[in-house]
Amino acid sequence: MNEGIVLGDAIYQIVVFLVLFSIIWAIFSIIRNSIKKKKHIENIDRKLDNLIEQIKKDK
């Protein structure tokens, strides 16, 4: 009986660890993706500004 409790506790601890790890990984992924999107949008904005400047110079 005692071995079943120990095994059950170990399985429970592994499951809890995996859930916590998944939550931390999800938060990290969301932050990383938002930073990438922000940089990408800034890059597009800079390119559009350059195109607008070239169009104004050509006129």
PDB file of N, CA and C in Angstrom:
ATOM      1  N   MET A   1       0.815  -1.197   0.000  1.00  0.00           N
ATOM      2  CA  MET A   1       0.000   0.000   0.000  1.00  0.00           C
ATOM      3  C   MET A   1       0.854   1.254   0.000  1.00  0.00           C
ATOM      4  N   ASN A   2       1.937   1.215   0.729  1.00  0.00           N
ATOM      5  CA  ASN A   2       2.797   2.381   0.837  1.00  0.00           C
ATOM      6  C   ASN A   2       3.484   2.691  -0.494  1.00  0.00           C
ATOM      7  N   GLU A   3       3.856   1.660  -1.257  1.00  0.00           N
ATOM      8  CA  GLU A   3       4.502   1.869  -2.549  1.00  0.00           C
ATOM      9  C   GLU A   3       3.561   2.546  -3.538  1.00  0.00           C
ATOM     10  N   GLY A   4       2.279   2.227  -3.473  1.00  0.00           N
ATOM     11  CA  GLY A   4       1.304   2.856  -4.355  1.00  0.00           C
ATOM     12  C   GLY A   4       1.160   4.335  -4.077  1.00  0.00           C
ATOM     13  N   ILE A   5       1.239   4.695  -2.812  1.00  0.00           N
ATOM     14  CA  ILE A   5       1.143   6.120  -2.449  1.00  0.00           C
ATOM     15  C   ILE A   5       2.372   6.863  -2.942  1.00  0.00           C
ATOM     16  N   VAL A   6       3.547   6.286  -2.801  1.00  0.00           N
ATOM     17  CA  VAL A   6       4.786   6.926  -3.238  1.00  0.00           C
ATOM     18  C   VAL A   6       4.771   7.093  -4.753  1.00  0.00           C
ATOM     19  N   LEU A   7       4.364   6.074  -5.471  1.00  0.00           N
ATOM     20  CA  LEU A   7       4.307   6.149  -6.931  1.00  0.00           C
ATOM     21  C   LEU A   7       3.277   7.194  -7.363  1.00  0.00           C
ATOM     22  N   GLY A   8       2.138   7.224  -6.698  1.00  0.00           N
ATOM     23  CA  GLY A   8       1.113   8.212  -7.019  1.00  0.00           C
ATOM     24  C   GLY A   8       1.595   9.627  -6.756  1.00  0.00           C
ATOM     25  N   ASP A   9       2.320   9.819  -5.658  1.00  0.00           N
ATOM     26  CA  ASP A   9       2.880  11.138  -5.349  1.00  0.00           C
ATOM     27  C   ASP A   9       3.891  11.563  -6.406  1.00  0.00           C
ATOM     28  N   ALA A  10       4.714  10.625  -6.854  1.00  0.00           N
ATOM     29  CA  ALA A  10       5.720  10.943  -7.861  1.00  0.00           C
ATOM     30  C   ALA A  10       5.051  11.326  -9.178  1.00  0.00           C
ATOM     31  N   ILE A  11       4.039  10.590  -9.581  1.00  0.00           N
ATOM     32  CA  ILE A  11       3.319  10.912 -10.813  1.00  0.00           C
ATOM     33  C   ILE A  11       2.653  12.274 -10.697  1.00  0.00           C
ATOM     34  N   TYR A  12       2.053  12.551  -9.539  1.00  0.00           N
ATOM     35  CA  TYR A  12       1.400  13.845  -9.311  1.00  0.00           C
ATOM     36  C   TYR A  12       2.421  14.979  -9.401  1.00  0.00           C
ATOM     37  N   GLN A  13       3.592  14.811  -8.810  1.00  0.00           N
ATOM     38  CA  GLN A  13       4.623  15.849  -8.854  1.00  0.00           C
ATOM     39  C   GLN A  13       5.110  16.081 -10.283  1.00  0.00           C
ATOM     40  N   ILE A  14       5.244  15.019 -11.059  1.00  0.00           N
ATOM     41  CA  ILE A  14       5.660  15.169 -12.454  1.00  0.00           C
ATOM     42  C   ILE A  14       4.606  15.928 -13.251  1.00  0.00           C
ATOM     43  N   VAL A  15       3.349  15.597 -13.048  1.00  0.00           N
ATOM     44  CA  VAL A  15       2.263  16.277 -13.758  1.00  0.00           C
ATOM     45  C   VAL A  15       2.226  17.757 -13.387  1.00  0.00           C
ATOM     46  N   VAL A  16       2.346  18.065 -12.090  1.00  0.00           N
ATOM     47  CA  VAL A  16       2.335  19.466 -11.650  1.00  0.00           C
ATOM     48  C   VAL A  16       3.525  20.206 -12.238  1.00  0.00           C
ATOM     49  N   PHE A  17       4.699  19.592 -12.243  1.00  0.00           N
ATOM     50  CA  PHE A  17       5.883  20.210 -12.830  1.00  0.00           C
ATOM     51  C   PHE A  17       5.670  20.494 -14.312  1.00  0.00           C
ATOM     52  N   LEU A  18       5.108  19.540 -15.032  1.00  0.00           N
ATOM     53  CA  LEU A  18       4.862  19.745 -16.459  1.00  0.00           C
ATOM     54  C   LEU A  18       3.860  20.871 -16.706  1.00  0.00           C
ATOM     55  N   VAL A  19       2.831  20.967 -15.877  1.00  0.00           N
ATOM     56  CA  VAL A  19       1.847  22.046 -16.022  1.00  0.00           C
ATOM     57  C   VAL A  19       2.517  23.393 -15.775  1.00  0.00           C
ATOM     58  N   LEU A  20       3.292  23.497 -14.697  1.00  0.00           N
ATOM     59  CA  LEU A  20       3.988  24.761 -14.409  1.00  0.00           C
ATOM     60  C   LEU A  20       4.975  25.124 -15.514  1.00  0.00           C
ATOM     61  N   PHE A  21       5.713  24.131 -15.997  1.00  0.00           N
ATOM     62  CA  PHE A  21       6.659  24.374 -17.091  1.00  0.00           C
ATOM     63  C   PHE A  21       5.922  24.841 -18.337  1.00  0.00           C
ATOM     64  N   SER A  22       4.780  24.261 -18.626  1.00  0.00           N
ATOM     65  CA  SER A  22       3.998  24.653 -19.802  1.00  0.00           C
ATOM     66  C   SER A  22       3.505  26.086 -19.685  1.00  0.00           C
ATOM     67  N   ILE A  23       3.079  26.473 -18.496  1.00  0.00           N
ATOM     68  CA  ILE A  23       2.614  27.848 -18.292  1.00  0.00           C
ATOM     69  C   ILE A  23       3.762  28.837 -18.487  1.00  0.00           C
ATOM     70  N   ILE A  24       4.913  28.543 -17.907  1.00  0.00           N
ATOM     71  CA  ILE A  24       6.075  29.427 -18.061  1.00  0.00           C
ATOM     72  C   ILE A  24       6.499  29.492 -19.524  1.00  0.00           C
ATOM     73  N   TRP A  25       6.514  28.358 -20.212  1.00  0.00           N
ATOM     74  CA  TRP A  25       6.900  28.328 -21.622  1.00  0.00           C
ATOM     75  C   TRP A  25       5.912  29.139 -22.473  1.00  0.00           C
ATOM     76  N   ALA A  26       4.623  29.047 -22.163  1.00  0.00           N
ATOM     77  CA  ALA A  26       3.613  29.802 -22.908  1.00  0.00           C
ATOM     78  C   ALA A  26       3.803  31.303 -22.716  1.00  0.00           C
ATOM     79  N   ILE A  27       4.060  31.724 -21.492  1.00  0.00           N
ATOM     80  CA  ILE A  27       4.292  33.152 -21.236  1.00  0.00           C
ATOM     81  C   ILE A  27       5.532  33.621 -21.980  1.00  0.00           C
ATOM     82  N   PHE A  28       6.593  32.844 -21.930  1.00  0.00           N
ATOM     83  CA  PHE A  28       7.829  33.195 -22.643  1.00  0.00           C
ATOM     84  C   PHE A  28       7.585  33.295 -24.149  1.00  0.00           C
ATOM     85  N   SER A  29       6.831  32.362 -24.703  1.00  0.00           N
ATOM     86  CA  SER A  29       6.550  32.374 -26.141  1.00  0.00           C
ATOM     87  C   SER A  29       5.721  33.587 -26.536  1.00  0.00           C
ATOM     88  N   ILE A  30       4.744  33.939 -25.729  1.00  0.00           N
ATOM     89  CA  ILE A  30       3.911  35.103 -26.029  1.00  0.00           C
ATOM     90  C   ILE A  30       4.756  36.374 -26.020  1.00  0.00           C
ATOM     91  N   ILE A  31       5.615  36.512 -25.026  1.00  0.00           N
ATOM     92  CA  ILE A  31       6.470  37.702 -24.944  1.00  0.00           C
ATOM     93  C   ILE A  31       7.426  37.744 -26.125  1.00  0.00           C
ATOM     94  N   ARG A  32       8.028  36.609 -26.448  1.00  0.00           N
ATOM     95  CA  ARG A  32       8.991  36.560 -27.562  1.00  0.00           C
ATOM     96  C   ARG A  32       8.304  36.898 -28.884  1.00  0.00           C
ATOM     97  N   ASN A  33       7.111  36.367 -29.107  1.00  0.00           N
ATOM     98  CA  ASN A  33       6.406  36.648 -30.352  1.00  0.00           C
ATOM     99  C   ASN A  33       5.968  38.098 -30.442  1.00  0.00           C
ATOM    100  N   SER A  34       5.570  38.688 -29.326  1.00  0.00           N
ATOM    101  CA  SER A  34       5.160  40.095 -29.364  1.00  0.00           C
ATOM    102  C   SER A  34       6.352  40.993 -29.654  1.00  0.00           C
ATOM    103  N   ILE A  35       7.519  40.645 -29.141  1.00  0.00           N
ATOM    104  CA  ILE A  35       8.730  41.427 -29.439  1.00  0.00           C
ATOM    105  C   ILE A  35       9.085  41.304 -30.920  1.00  0.00           C
ATOM    106  N   LYS A  36       8.987  40.087 -31.469  1.00  0.00           N
ATOM    107  CA  LYS A  36       9.272  39.888 -32.893  1.00  0.00           C
ATOM    108  C   LYS A  36       8.307  40.683 -33.762  1.00  0.00           C
ATOM    109  N   LYS A  37       7.018  40.660 -33.409  1.00  0.00           N
ATOM    110  CA  LYS A  37       6.022  41.390 -34.187  1.00  0.00           C
ATOM    111  C   LYS A  37       6.288  42.887 -34.138  1.00  0.00           C
ATOM    112  N   LYS A  38       6.658  43.392 -32.965  1.00  0.00           N
ATOM    113  CA  LYS A  38       6.938  44.823 -32.826  1.00  0.00           C
ATOM    114  C   LYS A  38       8.113  45.217 -33.704  1.00  0.00           C
ATOM    115  N   LYS A  39       9.177  44.427 -33.693  1.00  0.00           N
ATOM    116  CA  LYS A  39      10.343  44.719 -34.528  1.00  0.00           C
ATOM    117  C   LYS A  39       9.970  44.660 -36.008  1.00  0.00           C
ATOM    118  N   HIS A  40       9.141  43.681 -36.369  1.00  0.00           N
ATOM    119  CA  HIS A  40       8.723  43.536 -37.764  1.00  0.00           C
ATOM    120  C   HIS A  40       7.890  44.740 -38.214  1.00  0.00           C
ATOM    121  N   ILE A  41       6.991  45.179 -37.361  1.00  0.00           N
ATOM    122  CA  ILE A  41       6.160  46.337 -37.688  1.00  0.00           C
ATOM    123  C   ILE A  41       7.017  47.591 -37.810  1.00  0.00           C
ATOM    124  N   GLU A  42       7.994  47.752 -36.908  1.00  0.00           N
ATOM    125  CA  GLU A  42       8.896  48.907 -37.001  1.00  0.00           C
ATOM    126  C   GLU A  42       9.697  48.865 -38.289  1.00  0.00           C
ATOM    127  N   ASN A  43      10.112  47.682 -38.712  1.00  0.00           N
ATOM    128  CA  ASN A  43      10.867  47.533 -39.957  1.00  0.00           C
ATOM    129  C   ASN A  43       9.992  47.916 -41.155  1.00  0.00           C
ATOM    130  N   ILE A  44       8.754  47.468 -41.171  1.00  0.00           N
ATOM    131  CA  ILE A  44       7.836  47.815 -42.258  1.00  0.00           C
ATOM    132  C   ILE A  44       7.575  49.313 -42.264  1.00  0.00           C
ATOM    133  N   ASP A  45       7.398  49.898 -41.085  1.00  0.00           N
ATOM    134  CA  ASP A  45       7.154  51.338 -40.970  1.00  0.00           C
ATOM    135  C   ASP A  45       8.342  52.125 -41.529  1.00  0.00           C
ATOM    136  N   ARG A  46       9.552  51.689 -41.203  1.00  0.00           N
ATOM    137  CA  ARG A  46      10.747  52.363 -41.710  1.00  0.00           C
ATOM    138  C   ARG A  46      10.824  52.267 -43.237  1.00  0.00           C
ATOM    139  N   LYS A  47      10.510  51.103 -43.785  1.00  0.00           N
ATOM    140  CA  LYS A  47      10.540  50.933 -45.236  1.00  0.00           C
ATOM    141  C   LYS A  47       9.488  51.801 -45.916  1.00  0.00           C
ATOM    142  N   LEU A  48       8.295  51.887 -45.320  1.00  0.00           N
ATOM    143  CA  LEU A  48       7.258  52.742 -45.891  1.00  0.00           C
ATOM    144  C   LEU A  48       7.667  54.209 -45.844  1.00  0.00           C
ATOM    145  N   ASP A  49       8.280  54.623 -44.760  1.00  0.00           N
ATOM    146  CA  ASP A  49       8.765  56.001 -44.667  1.00  0.00           C
ATOM    147  C   ASP A  49       9.793  56.289 -45.761  1.00  0.00           C
ATOM    148  N   ASN A  50      10.687  55.325 -46.002  1.00  0.00           N
ATOM    149  CA  ASN A  50      11.684  55.507 -47.062  1.00  0.00           C
ATOM    150  C   ASN A  50      11.015  55.600 -48.433  1.00  0.00           C
ATOM    151  N   LEU A  51      10.000  54.771 -48.674  1.00  0.00           N
ATOM    152  CA  LEU A  51       9.288  54.832 -49.954  1.00  0.00           C
ATOM    153  C   LEU A  51       8.570  56.164 -50.123  1.00  0.00           C
ATOM    154  N   ILE A  52       7.955  56.649 -49.064  1.00  0.00           N
ATOM    155  CA  ILE A  52       7.265  57.940 -49.132  1.00  0.00           C
ATOM    156  C   ILE A  52       8.252  59.059 -49.429  1.00  0.00           C
ATOM    157  N   GLU A  53       9.423  59.014 -48.795  1.00  0.00           N
ATOM    158  CA  GLU A  53      10.446  60.021 -49.057  1.00  0.00           C
ATOM    159  C   GLU A  53      10.916  59.959 -50.506  1.00  0.00           C
ATOM    160  N   GLN A  54      11.096  58.757 -51.042  1.00  0.00           N
ATOM    161  CA  GLN A  54      11.533  58.625 -52.444  1.00  0.00           C
ATOM    162  C   GLN A  54      10.466  59.164 -53.387  1.00  0.00           C
ATOM    163  N   ILE A  55       9.204  58.910 -53.095  1.00  0.00           N
ATOM    164  CA  ILE A  55       8.117  59.398 -53.939  1.00  0.00           C
ATOM    165  C   ILE A  55       8.081  60.920 -53.903  1.00  0.00           C
ATOM    166  N   LYS A  56       8.268  61.501 -52.737  1.00  0.00           N
ATOM    167  CA  LYS A  56       8.283  62.972 -52.624  1.00  0.00           C
ATOM    168  C   LYS A  56       9.459  63.581 -53.372  1.00  0.00           C
ATOM    169  N   LYS A  57      10.611  62.923 -53.349  1.00  0.00           N
ATOM    170  CA  LYS A  57      11.789  63.429 -54.052  1.00  0.00           C
ATOM    171  C   LYS A  57      11.603  63.353 -55.567  1.00  0.00           C
ATOM    172  N   ASP A  58      10.901  62.316 -56.037  1.00  0.00           N
ATOM    173  CA  ASP A  58      10.713  62.122 -57.469  1.00  0.00           C
ATOM    174  C   ASP A  58       9.744  63.125 -58.060  1.00  0.00           C
ATOM    175  N   LYS A  59       8.880  63.703 -57.248  1.00  0.00           N
ATOM    176  CA  LYS A  59       7.898  64.660 -57.769  1.00  0.00           C
ATOM    177  C   LYS A  59       8.480  65.967 -58.082  1.00  0.00           C
TER     178      LYS A  59
END
